[in-house]
Every structure is written in structure tokens, then in C-alpha cells.
């Protein structure tokens, strides 16, 4: 009977294969798959916010959000989609010289664009579908407060929290790759994402939902009043504030967090065992 999982060394080989496959597709296919991933993560974030917005205890609210949010990654993993944070693991293909650095960068750029389109579109639908008015406007106030907090972080804080985030997420994706059946993939995605959400770290694609949703909520005076936000803090909740105060440091931090996971495992299972024999890599090398 075949085992239902891959060993850590086998996961490394599998991830290299995934990296090659992800970078050999047409750009439009990558973009559309990224739009779907952005929508899926936004759906998880929306559901998590809906479930937790009226919970007064902050620890319990994080737990509730953490239990609900993983549905977003489950959609990505089982339905098939391209998520920026997970695609940072393509670095193993670069390290194995089967993916060129320019292909890695191009893939991340296209995926980041598609994720933004999908996540922001869902935030717009939420705002214009009346969902923010839930609980007498408290949901809108909660959404607004979440976005304000994210756009008022210092650069270094956002950057460090983003590194932590993608260590959680990519360690989870690595576990997901280890499972060869659906239940195993679901369990791996669930617990890793619960841990990420509870940690309070920063995920760029989730923020592509949270912050635009807050920007859309900002135009409603009731939500602003209920949130009781300092006007000076509210001033940073703009598209420019999103880019400068959150998107740039969080994107950079997420890349580093993902590269840490991929590079460490590649070094452990490939780099440290590589021998300088003449035939090394036969059957694996492709034209670059």
C-alpha cells in the first residue's frame, strides 16, 4: 500500500517540479489563475472578518478568524490558483538551475498583479453589496479600523511581520506538498493558516482585500464615527498610503520569508548532498 505522504527530501524534488511547471505557462494563464487566487484569499478574509467582527475578546476574535480564514487557501490548493506568497517557493527551482531568475521575477510580478485584481474586486463587491452595514454598521467600522491599523504601521514593523507571515504560509505549503490525498492537504492548510492568522503577521494578498475594503468603507460617515479613529491616522488610509506604508514592505518581507523556507530546505536536501560528479543533473536539466 502506497504511503499517503512525501518525505522531506521528496517534497524538495516535488517543489522543484512545481517551480518549473509554474514558470513554463503562458502569461495570460498565470494572470487568470492569480486573479482567482486573489478572490479566494479575499473570500477567506471576508468570511473570517464577518465571523469575528462582533467578538469583543481580542484573543477569541483572532481564534475565530483563524478557524475560518483557511478556506481561502483550501480553494487555492484544491481548485488550482496562483498565490504570490506560495509562489515565492519557486526559488528552489532557481537554486536548482531549472528556473532562471528572470522567470521567477516575471512570475511573481504577474501573480502579484492578478492577486490584486481578484482581491480588490471582491472588496469592491462587498462594499457595494451592502455587506459592511452588518450589525448596525459595526462590520464597516471593524473593516475600517483593520485597514487603518495596517496603513499606520512603521516600515520595519510591517516588513518583519511580513517575513514571519510567509514563514508560516510557506511552511504550510511545504506540508501541503507532502500530502498525496485531499484530507492530508486540507489538514495541512488548515492548521498552518490558523497559526498565521492568530500570529497577527502581514500577508500581502490578504491586505489586498483588507485595505481596499477599508478605503471603500472610509466614505461612510457612520463607519468612521463608530470606529472612533483619530483623523490623523485615517489620513493614511488612501491608495498611496496602502502602497507606501504597507504593500511595499509587506511584499518584500513576504518574498524573504518564502525564500527562507525554500532556500533552507533546498540547502539541506540538495545543496549539502551535491557531489561534483561529471554526470550530475542528467535527466533533470532543461534548456534555459
Protein backbone atom coordinates (compact mmCIF):
# COMPACT_ATOMS: atom_id res chain seq x y z
CA UNK A 1 0.00 0.00 0.00
CA UNK A 2 1.43 3.34 -1.06
CA UNK A 3 2.17 5.83 1.68
CA UNK A 4 -0.02 8.94 1.77
CA UNK A 5 2.79 11.46 2.07
CA UNK A 6 6.16 12.53 0.70
CA UNK A 7 9.31 12.60 2.80
CA UNK A 8 11.01 16.00 3.31
CA UNK A 9 13.60 15.14 0.66
CA UNK A 10 10.85 14.11 -1.76
CA UNK A 11 8.99 17.36 -1.08
CA UNK A 12 12.07 19.25 -2.25
CA UNK A 13 12.08 17.38 -5.57
CA UNK A 14 8.33 17.87 -5.93
CA UNK A 15 8.64 21.61 -5.26
CA UNK A 16 11.34 21.92 -7.93
CA UNK A 17 8.96 20.27 -10.40
CA UNK A 18 6.17 22.64 -9.39
CA UNK A 19 8.51 25.60 -9.86
CA UNK A 20 9.35 24.51 -13.42
CA UNK A 21 5.69 23.92 -14.26
CA UNK A 22 4.59 27.28 -12.85
CA UNK A 23 7.13 29.24 -14.88
CA UNK A 24 6.52 27.48 -18.22
CA UNK A 25 2.89 28.56 -18.66
CA UNK A 26 1.54 31.37 -20.79
CA UNK A 27 1.41 34.76 -19.07
CA UNK A 28 -2.37 35.07 -19.50
CA UNK A 29 -2.92 31.70 -17.87
CA UNK A 30 -0.77 32.76 -14.92
CA UNK A 31 -2.62 36.09 -14.65
CA UNK A 32 -6.08 34.49 -14.66
CA UNK A 33 -5.04 31.86 -12.12
CA UNK A 34 -3.68 34.69 -9.95
CA UNK A 35 -6.97 36.62 -10.20
CA UNK A 36 -8.73 33.51 -8.90
CA UNK A 37 -6.27 33.19 -6.01
CA UNK A 38 -6.79 36.83 -5.06
CA UNK A 39 -10.54 36.28 -4.97
CA UNK A 40 -10.17 33.06 -2.97
CA UNK A 41 -7.94 34.64 -0.30
CA UNK A 42 -10.30 37.63 -0.13
CA UNK A 43 -13.23 35.24 0.33
CA UNK A 44 -11.45 33.64 3.28
CA UNK A 45 -10.59 37.04 4.74
CA UNK A 46 -14.15 38.33 4.26
CA UNK A 47 -15.63 35.26 5.92
CA UNK A 48 -13.12 35.49 8.79
CA UNK A 49 -13.92 39.18 9.36
CA UNK A 50 -17.65 38.50 9.24
CA UNK A 51 -17.32 35.75 11.85
CA UNK A 52 -15.07 37.70 14.22
CA UNK A 53 -16.10 41.36 13.92
CA UNK A 54 -18.55 41.28 16.85
CA UNK A 55 -16.32 39.24 19.21
CA UNK A 56 -15.14 41.60 21.95
CA UNK A 57 -12.31 39.46 23.34
CA UNK A 58 -9.32 40.04 21.05
CA UNK A 59 -7.80 36.61 21.59
CA UNK A 60 -11.07 34.84 20.89
CA UNK A 61 -11.68 37.06 17.86
CA UNK A 62 -8.30 36.02 16.42
CA UNK A 63 -9.10 32.37 17.06
CA UNK A 64 -12.48 32.64 15.34
CA UNK A 65 -10.91 34.43 12.37
CA UNK A 66 -8.12 31.86 12.25
CA UNK A 67 -10.53 28.93 12.11
CA UNK A 68 -12.47 30.46 9.20
CA UNK A 69 -9.69 32.06 7.11
CA UNK A 70 -8.08 28.78 5.88
CA UNK A 71 -10.96 28.21 3.44
CA UNK A 72 -9.18 30.72 1.18
CA UNK A 73 -6.02 28.61 0.90
CA UNK A 74 -8.11 25.46 0.56
CA UNK A 75 -9.74 27.00 -2.51
CA UNK A 76 -6.31 27.84 -3.90
CA UNK A 77 -4.80 24.40 -3.29
CA UNK A 78 -7.69 22.20 -4.42
CA UNK A 79 -9.22 24.32 -7.19
CA UNK A 80 -5.88 25.42 -8.58
CA UNK A 81 -4.72 29.04 -8.49
CA UNK A 82 -1.54 31.10 -8.20
CA UNK A 83 -0.87 32.82 -4.89
CA UNK A 84 2.04 35.26 -4.59
CA UNK A 85 3.18 34.07 -1.18
CA UNK A 86 3.23 30.40 -2.15
CA UNK A 87 4.93 31.12 -5.47
CA UNK A 88 7.91 32.50 -3.57
CA UNK A 89 8.88 28.82 -3.24
CA UNK A 90 9.78 28.88 -6.95
CA UNK A 91 13.17 29.93 -5.57
CA UNK A 92 14.02 26.22 -5.21
CA UNK A 93 13.81 25.89 -8.99
CA UNK A 94 16.16 28.84 -9.33
CA UNK A 95 18.60 27.29 -6.88
CA UNK A 96 18.45 24.01 -8.81
CA UNK A 97 19.18 25.92 -12.04
CA UNK A 98 15.99 24.71 -13.69
CA UNK A 99 14.28 28.10 -13.49
CA UNK A 100 16.00 31.34 -14.48
CA UNK A 101 15.92 34.24 -12.03
CA UNK A 102 14.17 36.40 -14.63
CA UNK A 103 11.42 33.76 -14.94
CA UNK A 104 10.97 33.78 -11.17
CA UNK A 105 10.69 37.57 -11.04
CA UNK A 106 8.31 37.67 -14.03
CA UNK A 107 6.06 35.06 -12.42
CA UNK A 108 5.91 36.94 -9.12
CA UNK A 109 5.11 40.20 -10.93
CA UNK A 110 2.24 38.72 -12.92
CA UNK A 111 0.87 36.86 -9.91
CA UNK A 112 1.02 39.92 -7.68
CA UNK A 113 -0.94 41.89 -10.28
CA UNK A 114 -3.58 39.19 -10.66
CA UNK A 115 -3.92 38.72 -6.91
CA UNK A 116 -4.54 42.46 -6.54
CA UNK A 117 -7.24 42.46 -9.22
CA UNK A 118 -9.07 39.50 -7.67
CA UNK A 119 -8.85 40.60 -4.03
CA UNK A 120 -9.76 44.23 -4.71
CA UNK A 121 -12.67 43.23 -6.92
CA UNK A 122 -14.14 41.17 -4.09
CA UNK A 123 -13.63 44.05 -1.62
CA UNK A 124 -15.50 46.35 -4.04
CA UNK A 125 -18.36 43.84 -4.32
CA UNK A 126 -18.57 43.58 -0.55
CA UNK A 127 -18.69 47.36 -0.10
CA UNK A 128 -21.23 47.91 -2.85
CA UNK A 129 -23.34 44.91 -1.92
CA UNK A 130 -24.24 46.39 1.47
CA UNK A 131 -22.33 43.80 3.49
CA UNK A 132 -20.43 46.42 5.50
CA UNK A 133 -23.68 47.59 7.07
CA UNK A 134 -23.97 44.38 9.09
CA UNK A 135 -24.52 44.76 12.86
CA UNK A 136 -25.77 48.31 12.53
CA UNK A 137 -22.59 49.38 10.75
CA UNK A 138 -20.21 47.74 13.22
CA UNK A 139 -18.84 45.47 10.50
CA UNK A 140 -17.98 48.53 8.42
CA UNK A 141 -16.30 50.12 11.44
CA UNK A 142 -14.32 46.93 12.10
CA UNK A 143 -13.23 46.80 8.46
CA UNK A 144 -12.19 50.44 8.60
CA UNK A 145 -10.22 50.00 11.84
CA UNK A 146 -8.39 46.96 10.46
CA UNK A 147 -7.31 48.87 7.35
CA UNK A 148 -6.25 51.93 9.35
CA UNK A 149 -4.06 49.82 11.62
CA UNK A 150 -2.35 48.26 8.60
CA UNK A 151 -1.66 51.59 6.87
CA UNK A 152 -0.22 53.18 10.02
CA UNK A 153 2.48 50.61 10.71
CA UNK A 154 6.10 51.62 10.53
CA UNK A 155 8.08 50.24 7.57
CA UNK A 156 10.25 47.96 9.71
CA UNK A 157 7.29 46.58 11.67
CA UNK A 158 5.34 45.73 8.51
CA UNK A 159 8.48 44.26 6.92
CA UNK A 160 9.29 41.99 9.88
CA UNK A 161 5.69 40.84 10.32
CA UNK A 162 5.61 40.01 6.61
CA UNK A 163 8.73 37.84 6.89
CA UNK A 164 7.08 35.98 9.76
CA UNK A 165 3.87 35.60 7.77
CA UNK A 166 5.45 33.84 4.82
CA UNK A 167 7.49 31.59 7.04
CA UNK A 168 4.13 30.38 8.38
CA UNK A 169 2.48 30.21 4.97
CA UNK A 170 5.33 28.60 3.01
CA UNK A 171 5.98 26.09 5.79
CA UNK A 172 2.29 25.27 5.42
CA UNK A 173 2.54 24.98 1.63
CA UNK A 174 5.57 22.70 2.10
CA UNK A 175 3.38 20.49 4.33
CA UNK A 176 0.57 20.60 1.77
CA UNK A 177 3.00 19.35 -0.87
CA UNK A 178 3.87 16.44 1.43
CA UNK A 179 0.29 15.13 1.37
CA UNK A 180 -0.80 12.95 -1.53
CA UNK A 181 -4.51 12.91 -0.70
CA UNK A 182 -7.19 15.56 -0.22
CA UNK A 183 -7.73 15.09 3.56
CA UNK A 184 -3.99 15.47 4.17
CA UNK A 185 -3.79 18.64 2.10
CA UNK A 186 -6.80 20.13 3.91
CA UNK A 187 -5.37 19.37 7.35
CA UNK A 188 -2.01 20.86 6.44
CA UNK A 189 -3.57 24.03 5.04
CA UNK A 190 -5.94 24.42 7.99
CA UNK A 191 -3.52 24.34 10.89
CA UNK A 192 -0.76 26.35 9.21
CA UNK A 193 -3.13 29.17 8.26
CA UNK A 194 -4.81 29.18 11.68
CA UNK A 195 -1.34 29.78 13.15
CA UNK A 196 -0.60 32.56 10.64
CA UNK A 197 -3.86 34.42 11.33
CA UNK A 198 -3.56 34.16 15.11
CA UNK A 199 0.02 35.45 14.92
CA UNK A 200 -1.14 38.79 13.52
CA UNK A 201 1.54 38.79 10.82
CA UNK A 202 1.19 40.53 7.44
CA UNK A 203 0.13 38.80 4.19
CA UNK A 204 0.20 40.99 1.09
CA UNK A 205 -2.67 39.25 -0.71
CA UNK A 206 -4.92 39.31 2.36
CA UNK A 207 -4.07 43.00 2.68
CA UNK A 208 -5.20 43.48 -0.92
CA UNK A 209 -8.65 42.73 0.47
CA UNK A 210 -8.44 44.29 3.94
CA UNK A 211 -7.07 47.70 2.94
CA UNK A 212 -9.17 48.34 -0.18
CA UNK A 213 -12.25 47.26 1.81
CA UNK A 214 -11.28 49.86 4.40
CA UNK A 215 -10.77 52.51 1.73
CA UNK A 216 -14.24 51.79 0.38
CA UNK A 217 -15.68 51.95 3.93
CA UNK A 218 -13.95 55.26 4.62
CA UNK A 219 -16.55 57.14 2.58
CA UNK A 220 -19.33 56.20 5.00
CA UNK A 221 -19.57 58.66 7.90
CA UNK A 222 -21.35 56.13 10.13
CA UNK A 223 -18.50 53.64 9.91
CA UNK A 224 -15.95 56.37 10.65
CA UNK A 225 -17.96 57.53 13.69
CA UNK A 226 -18.45 54.03 15.06
CA UNK A 227 -14.76 53.21 14.61
CA UNK A 228 -13.70 56.31 16.57
CA UNK A 229 -10.47 56.66 14.62
CA UNK A 230 -8.05 59.54 15.02
CA UNK A 231 -8.34 61.77 11.90
CA UNK A 232 -4.55 61.82 11.55
CA UNK A 233 -4.50 58.00 11.34
CA UNK A 234 -7.42 57.99 8.93
CA UNK A 235 -5.46 60.27 6.59
CA UNK A 236 -3.08 57.41 5.73
CA UNK A 237 -5.92 55.18 4.53
CA UNK A 238 -5.52 56.01 0.84
CA UNK A 239 -4.27 54.10 -2.20
CA UNK A 240 -0.93 55.87 -1.82
CA UNK A 241 -0.84 55.03 1.88
CA UNK A 242 -1.58 51.41 1.04
CA UNK A 243 1.31 51.29 -1.43
CA UNK A 244 3.93 53.13 0.61
CA UNK A 245 3.07 52.12 4.18
CA UNK A 246 2.02 48.52 3.62
CA UNK A 247 2.28 47.00 0.14
CA UNK A 248 5.98 47.69 -0.40
CA UNK A 249 7.34 46.49 2.97
CA UNK A 250 4.91 43.56 3.17
CA UNK A 251 5.66 42.37 -0.37
CA UNK A 252 9.41 42.49 0.28
CA UNK A 253 9.02 40.75 3.63
CA UNK A 254 6.81 38.02 2.18
CA UNK A 255 9.41 37.32 -0.51
CA UNK A 256 12.15 36.97 2.10
CA UNK A 257 10.02 34.73 4.32
CA UNK A 258 9.22 32.41 1.41
CA UNK A 259 12.83 32.36 0.22
CA UNK A 260 13.98 31.42 3.74
CA UNK A 261 11.81 28.28 3.70
CA UNK A 262 12.68 27.28 0.14
CA UNK A 263 16.39 28.03 0.40
CA UNK A 264 16.80 26.26 3.74
CA UNK A 265 15.17 23.04 2.58
CA UNK A 266 16.95 23.11 -0.76
CA UNK A 267 20.28 23.54 1.02
CA UNK A 268 19.51 20.74 3.47
CA UNK A 269 18.31 18.16 0.95
CA UNK A 270 20.16 19.20 -2.22
CA UNK A 271 23.00 21.64 -1.61
CA UNK A 272 24.68 19.72 1.20
CA UNK A 273 24.39 16.42 -0.68
CA UNK A 274 25.54 17.64 -4.07
CA UNK A 275 28.65 15.88 -5.36
CA UNK A 276 30.86 17.21 -8.16
CA UNK A 277 30.42 14.16 -10.41
CA UNK A 278 30.51 14.56 -14.17
CA UNK A 279 27.01 13.24 -14.83
CA UNK A 280 25.21 15.19 -12.14
CA UNK A 281 21.82 16.54 -13.15
CA UNK A 282 21.30 14.28 -16.18
CA UNK A 283 17.62 13.92 -16.90
CA UNK A 284 16.76 16.99 -14.86
CA UNK A 285 18.39 19.86 -16.74
CA UNK A 286 16.28 21.73 -19.27
CA UNK A 287 17.24 24.42 -21.75
CA UNK A 288 17.35 27.85 -20.13
